[in-house]
Amino acid sequence: MQRTLVDRAQLGDVEAFDALARQVGDRCMAIAFRILRDFDLADDAVQAALVTAWRQLRDLRDTERFEPWLHRILTRECYAEA
């Protein structure tokens, strides 16, 4: 299911990316909060990570690795927020 959404999102399907963001949003928020220990900063980092992921999604070669790829982006955004 997730791979299909990633494939569609890579072709520019905004609804597919929205569905992906909803699937991984809670996990991303948990990761960001563990790093930053501040809800508002974590929320900002997750939003920035999702925007970056949308912009760079076409560069993702292995669609099976979407979530780990997104988590690396999120980690970098958390460090930028900190």
Protein backbone atom coordinates (compact mmCIF):
# COMPACT_ATOMS: atom_id res chain seq x y z
CA MET A 1 0.00 0.00 0.00
CA GLN A 2 2.67 2.50 1.01
CA ARG A 3 4.78 1.73 -2.06
CA THR A 4 1.82 2.45 -4.33
CA LEU A 5 1.26 5.78 -2.59
CA VAL A 6 4.95 6.68 -2.93
CA ASP A 7 4.89 5.80 -6.63
CA ARG A 8 1.82 7.95 -7.17
CA ALA A 9 3.25 10.81 -5.11
CA GLN A 10 6.46 10.73 -7.14
CA LEU A 11 4.32 11.40 -10.20
CA GLY A 12 2.90 14.51 -8.53
CA ASP A 13 -0.25 13.10 -6.89
CA VAL A 14 -0.84 15.44 -3.95
CA GLU A 15 -3.58 13.24 -2.48
CA ALA A 16 -1.21 10.25 -2.40
CA PHE A 17 1.40 12.30 -0.56
CA ASP A 18 -1.25 13.53 1.86
CA ALA A 19 -2.18 9.91 2.60
CA LEU A 20 1.50 9.09 3.18
CA ALA A 21 1.88 12.05 5.51
CA ARG A 22 -1.14 10.92 7.50
CA GLN A 23 0.26 7.38 7.78
CA VAL A 24 3.67 8.44 9.09
CA GLY A 25 2.75 11.70 10.82
CA ASP A 26 2.35 10.33 14.33
CA ARG A 27 5.62 8.37 14.16
CA CYS A 28 7.44 11.44 12.84
CA MET A 29 5.99 13.58 15.62
CA ALA A 30 7.12 11.04 18.22
CA ILE A 31 10.65 11.01 16.81
CA ALA A 32 10.83 14.79 16.63
CA PHE A 33 9.51 15.19 20.17
CA ARG A 34 12.07 12.71 21.51
CA ILE A 35 14.85 14.70 19.88
CA LEU A 36 13.64 18.23 20.67
CA ARG A 37 11.57 17.73 23.85
CA ASP A 38 9.31 20.60 22.81
CA PHE A 39 5.96 20.10 21.10
CA ASP A 40 6.01 23.32 19.05
CA LEU A 41 9.57 22.79 17.80
CA ALA A 42 8.76 19.16 16.99
CA ASP A 43 5.67 20.22 15.05
CA ASP A 44 7.71 22.74 13.06
CA ALA A 45 10.37 20.13 12.32
CA VAL A 46 7.79 17.61 11.09
CA GLN A 47 6.17 20.19 8.83
CA ALA A 48 9.54 21.24 7.42
CA ALA A 49 10.50 17.60 6.86
CA LEU A 50 7.29 16.88 4.98
CA VAL A 51 7.77 19.93 2.77
CA THR A 52 11.34 18.87 2.04
CA ALA A 53 10.22 15.30 1.35
CA TRP A 54 7.58 16.50 -1.10
CA ARG A 55 10.13 18.63 -2.94
CA GLN A 56 12.76 15.88 -3.07
CA LEU A 57 10.48 12.87 -3.52
CA ARG A 58 11.46 12.35 -7.15
CA ASP A 59 15.05 11.79 -6.00
CA LEU A 60 14.02 8.78 -3.89
CA ARG A 61 15.25 5.72 -5.79
CA ASP A 62 13.94 2.89 -3.59
CA THR A 63 10.30 3.51 -2.80
CA GLU A 64 10.39 0.70 -0.23
CA ARG A 65 12.70 2.91 1.86
CA PHE A 66 10.38 5.94 1.99
CA GLU A 67 9.94 5.99 5.75
CA PRO A 68 13.64 5.65 6.70
CA TRP A 69 14.43 8.30 4.07
CA LEU A 70 11.83 10.61 5.60
CA HIS A 71 13.18 9.95 9.10
CA ARG A 72 16.66 11.06 8.01
CA ILE A 73 15.19 14.27 6.62
CA LEU A 74 13.26 14.73 9.86
CA THR A 75 16.35 14.23 11.98
CA ARG A 76 18.20 16.93 10.01
CA GLU A 77 15.23 19.28 10.44
CA CYS A 78 15.20 18.61 14.18
CA TYR A 79 18.86 19.53 14.42
CA ALA A 80 18.15 22.70 12.44
CA GLU A 81 15.30 23.58 14.85
CA ALA A 82 17.49 22.95 17.87
